[in-house]
Protein backbone atom coordinates (compact mmCIF):
# COMPACT_ATOMS: atom_id res chain seq x y z
CA MET A 1 -0.05 0.03 0.05
CA ASP A 2 2.63 2.48 0.70
CA ARG A 3 4.37 1.78 -2.49
CA PHE A 4 1.05 2.46 -4.23
CA TRP A 5 0.59 5.97 -2.47
CA ALA A 6 4.47 6.76 -3.33
CA ARG A 7 3.42 5.93 -7.03
CA LEU A 8 0.38 8.18 -6.70
CA HIS A 9 2.48 11.02 -5.35
CA ALA A 10 4.96 10.53 -8.28
CA TYR A 11 2.08 10.51 -10.60
CA GLY A 12 1.11 13.75 -9.34
CA LYS A 13 4.49 15.65 -9.46
CA ALA A 14 4.75 14.40 -13.05
CA THR A 15 1.30 15.74 -14.01
CA VAL A 16 1.77 19.49 -13.10
CA ASP A 17 3.90 22.06 -14.87
CA GLU A 18 6.99 23.54 -13.49
CA ARG A 19 5.18 26.80 -12.25
CA ALA A 20 2.68 24.97 -10.36
CA ALA A 21 5.33 22.31 -9.08
CA ALA A 22 7.46 25.26 -7.59
CA VAL A 23 4.41 26.49 -5.91
CA LEU A 24 3.53 23.28 -4.62
CA ARG A 25 6.91 22.84 -3.17
CA ARG A 26 7.08 26.02 -1.59
CA LEU A 27 3.55 25.47 0.16
CA GLU A 28 4.62 22.22 1.10
CA GLU A 29 7.87 23.54 2.90
CA GLU A 30 5.86 26.38 4.66
CA ASP A 31 3.34 23.69 5.92
CA ARG A 32 6.30 21.77 7.25
CA ARG A 33 7.69 24.71 8.99
CA ASP A 34 4.30 25.94 10.17
CA ARG A 35 3.89 22.41 12.02
CA ALA A 36 7.67 22.28 13.50
CA ASP A 37 7.98 25.98 14.81
CA GLY A 38 4.91 26.06 16.91
CA THR A 39 2.83 28.53 14.57
CA PRO A 40 -0.75 28.88 16.07
CA ARG A 41 -3.09 26.40 14.78
CA GLU A 42 -5.30 28.98 13.21
CA ARG A 43 -2.58 30.53 11.36
CA ARG A 44 -1.17 27.37 9.83
CA LEU A 45 -1.68 26.19 6.35
CA ARG A 46 -2.93 22.75 7.28
CA SER A 47 -2.52 21.62 3.77
CA VAL A 48 -3.42 18.17 2.55
CA THR A 49 -0.62 15.62 1.90
CA PRO A 50 0.90 15.75 -1.61
CA GLU A 51 -0.95 11.99 -1.98
CA VAL A 52 -4.26 13.57 -1.49
CA GLY A 53 -3.41 16.28 -3.98
CA ALA A 54 -2.38 13.79 -6.36
CA PHE A 55 -5.40 11.79 -5.73
CA LEU A 56 -7.66 14.89 -6.11
CA ASN A 57 -6.14 15.72 -9.23
CA LEU A 58 -6.82 12.34 -10.50
CA LEU A 59 -10.35 12.02 -9.47
CA VAL A 60 -11.15 15.33 -11.39
CA LYS A 61 -9.74 13.89 -14.72
CA ILE A 62 -11.67 10.46 -14.07
CA ALA A 63 -14.79 12.13 -13.43
CA GLY A 64 -14.27 14.82 -16.22
CA ALA A 65 -15.09 17.19 -13.85
CA ARG A 66 -15.88 20.88 -15.10
CA ARG A 67 -17.57 22.74 -12.15
CA ILE A 68 -15.40 21.93 -9.00
CA LEU A 69 -16.20 23.26 -5.46
CA GLU A 70 -13.76 23.47 -2.60
CA VAL A 71 -14.67 24.36 1.03
CA GLY A 72 -11.55 25.73 2.78
CA THR A 73 -8.91 27.34 0.28
CA SER A 74 -6.14 27.97 3.09
CA GLY A 75 -3.11 28.98 1.27
CA GLY A 76 -4.33 27.32 -1.96
CA TYR A 77 -2.21 24.15 -2.09
CA SER A 78 -5.01 21.64 -2.64
CA THR A 79 -6.54 24.49 -4.92
CA VAL A 80 -3.65 24.22 -7.26
CA TRP A 81 -3.81 20.64 -7.52
CA LEU A 82 -7.66 20.70 -8.41
CA ALA A 83 -7.06 23.65 -10.79
CA THR A 84 -4.24 21.85 -12.41
CA ALA A 85 -6.76 19.08 -13.38
CA ALA A 86 -9.52 21.81 -14.29
CA GLY A 87 -7.14 23.17 -16.69
CA GLU A 88 -7.25 19.63 -18.62
CA THR A 89 -10.96 19.09 -18.23
CA GLY A 90 -11.94 22.71 -19.35
CA GLY A 91 -13.23 23.17 -15.86
CA HIS A 92 -13.31 25.85 -13.22
CA VAL A 93 -12.66 25.82 -9.28
CA THR A 94 -14.57 27.74 -7.00
CA THR A 95 -13.13 27.94 -3.60
CA LEU A 96 -14.50 29.24 -0.23
CA GLU A 97 -12.38 30.78 2.55
CA ILE A 98 -13.14 33.00 5.50
CA ASP A 99 -9.53 33.99 6.63
CA PRO A 100 -8.51 37.29 4.78
CA ALA A 101 -4.78 36.29 5.49
CA LYS A 102 -5.02 32.89 4.02
CA ILE A 103 -7.07 34.39 1.00
CA GLU A 104 -4.16 36.66 0.29
CA ARG A 105 -1.53 33.68 0.42
CA ALA A 106 -4.09 31.77 -1.83
CA ARG A 107 -4.11 34.36 -4.42
CA ARG A 108 -0.42 34.67 -4.37
CA SER A 109 -0.19 30.91 -4.86
CA LEU A 110 -2.56 30.89 -7.74
CA SER A 111 -0.81 33.85 -9.58
CA ASP A 112 2.61 32.26 -9.16
CA ALA A 113 1.16 29.13 -10.50
CA GLY A 114 -0.47 30.81 -13.58
CA MET A 115 -4.11 29.73 -12.40
CA ASP A 116 -5.96 32.95 -11.59
CA ASP A 117 -8.27 32.42 -14.57
CA LEU A 118 -9.20 28.88 -13.48
CA VAL A 119 -10.17 29.73 -9.98
CA THR A 120 -12.83 31.91 -8.27
CA ILE A 121 -12.17 32.61 -4.32
CA VAL A 122 -15.26 33.38 -2.56
CA GLU A 123 -14.58 35.35 0.58
CA GLY A 124 -16.55 35.02 3.76
CA ASP A 125 -18.15 32.19 6.06
CA GLY A 126 -18.77 29.25 3.98
CA ARG A 127 -21.97 28.38 5.60
CA GLN A 128 -23.43 31.61 4.31
CA THR A 129 -21.69 31.97 0.82
CA LEU A 130 -22.37 28.46 -0.15
CA ALA A 131 -25.92 29.56 -0.12
CA THR A 132 -25.16 31.98 -2.75
CA LEU A 133 -23.78 29.41 -5.27
CA ASP A 134 -25.70 27.90 -8.06
CA GLY A 135 -25.29 24.15 -8.79
CA PRO A 136 -24.77 21.74 -9.98
CA PHE A 137 -21.17 20.91 -9.35
CA ASP A 138 -19.34 17.75 -10.68
CA LEU A 139 -17.00 17.51 -7.65
CA ALA A 140 -16.86 19.01 -4.08
CA PHE A 141 -14.01 18.91 -1.65
CA LEU A 142 -14.39 19.58 1.97
CA ASP A 143 -11.56 20.34 4.16
CA THR A 144 -12.52 23.01 6.72
CA GLU A 145 -12.91 23.19 10.61
CA LYS A 146 -13.78 19.84 11.56
CA GLU A 147 -16.81 20.86 13.92
CA LEU A 148 -18.26 22.47 10.77
CA TYR A 149 -18.35 19.41 8.42
CA LEU A 150 -21.88 18.30 9.40
CA ASP A 151 -23.07 21.84 8.57
CA PHE A 152 -21.89 21.49 5.12
CA LEU A 153 -23.10 17.96 4.25
CA GLU A 154 -26.76 18.73 3.25
CA PRO A 155 -25.48 21.88 1.45
CA LEU A 156 -23.11 20.26 -0.77
CA VAL A 157 -25.22 16.96 -1.49
CA ARG A 158 -27.87 19.50 -2.86
CA LEU A 159 -25.24 21.37 -5.03
CA LEU A 160 -23.91 18.13 -6.46
CA ARG A 161 -25.50 16.72 -9.79
CA PRO A 162 -26.45 13.36 -9.78
CA GLY A 163 -23.46 11.14 -10.07
CA GLY A 164 -21.30 13.91 -8.65
CA LEU A 165 -18.44 13.50 -6.12
CA LEU A 166 -17.91 14.64 -2.69
CA VAL A 167 -14.42 14.03 -1.04
CA ALA A 168 -13.95 14.96 2.86
CA ASP A 169 -10.51 15.14 4.16
CA ASN A 170 -9.08 13.99 7.71
CA LEU A 171 -11.69 11.08 8.09
CA LEU A 172 -8.84 8.85 9.77
CA SER A 173 -6.64 11.54 11.47
CA HIS A 174 -9.75 13.21 13.24
CA ALA A 175 -11.94 9.90 13.41
CA ASP A 176 -13.33 10.78 16.56
CA ASP A 177 -14.25 14.34 16.00
CA LEU A 178 -15.55 13.29 12.40
CA ALA A 179 -17.43 10.28 13.40
CA GLY A 180 -20.84 12.05 13.40
CA PHE A 181 -20.24 13.42 10.06
CA ARG A 182 -19.10 9.96 8.61
CA GLU A 183 -22.29 8.31 10.04
CA ALA A 184 -24.40 10.84 8.39
CA ALA A 185 -22.61 10.70 4.95
CA GLU A 186 -22.61 6.71 4.89
CA SER A 187 -26.15 6.71 5.81
CA HIS A 188 -27.43 9.36 3.53
CA PRO A 189 -29.88 8.22 1.27
CA GLU A 190 -28.58 10.10 -1.55
CA LEU A 191 -25.04 9.10 -1.10
CA GLU A 192 -22.69 5.97 -1.57
CA CYS A 193 -19.48 6.36 0.11
CA VAL A 194 -16.14 4.49 0.91
CA LEU A 195 -13.17 5.41 3.00
CA ILE A 196 -10.05 5.66 1.09
CA PRO A 197 -6.97 5.00 3.50
CA ILE A 198 -4.64 7.73 2.32
CA PRO A 199 -2.63 8.85 5.38
CA ARG A 200 -5.35 11.06 6.81
CA GLY A 201 -8.21 9.35 5.35
CA GLU A 202 -10.56 10.72 2.61
CA LEU A 203 -14.29 9.84 2.52
CA LEU A 204 -15.40 9.39 -1.09
CA CYS A 205 -18.75 9.78 -1.91
CA ARG A 206 -21.19 9.69 -4.96
CA LYS A 207 -24.49 11.25 -5.32
CA ARG A 208 -26.94 8.75 -6.53
CA GLY A 209 -28.34 8.80 -9.96
CA GLY A 210 -26.82 10.32 -13.17
């Protein structure tokens, strides 16, 4: 299994261009530094792992997703992975973030990666801004404060097209915190879900129909 994820990571690195790869390397280093130097939790990037980035990138391509939604931009690490794939599918990423400092970092990351035209950042509390969006979306990625996951489940299901995909991060690393969300998603009448054991755990769900 470790060899599989290493190959997935290698695939991901090979599928992005040098501008995007440089941004990803920079954000990975900033994330490592944040975790090591005692940066307060709320200021850390808390990015997904490279394996998860590559997994999201591949999912977008497999699904042919064009309308992509992300809840939790942070510094733009997962956004770059999603936008790289969107560039191949003819798609666009809409990403939600509340923290002004992280929005500024994400804008810089996306500009440096040459992806400004592939991403729209929606500023504000996602629980409110999500209600202003028009669906349907082909793929949604949820990676926000863990205590808010349940608040986002029903709105995201409504915004997904039949056959659309929902991916939620940290289902293993925060198993206790997200137990209620996992139960609600796995028992949801409109979803079929499987837990993918990438290091921190990705819950992958498909909206029935389509």
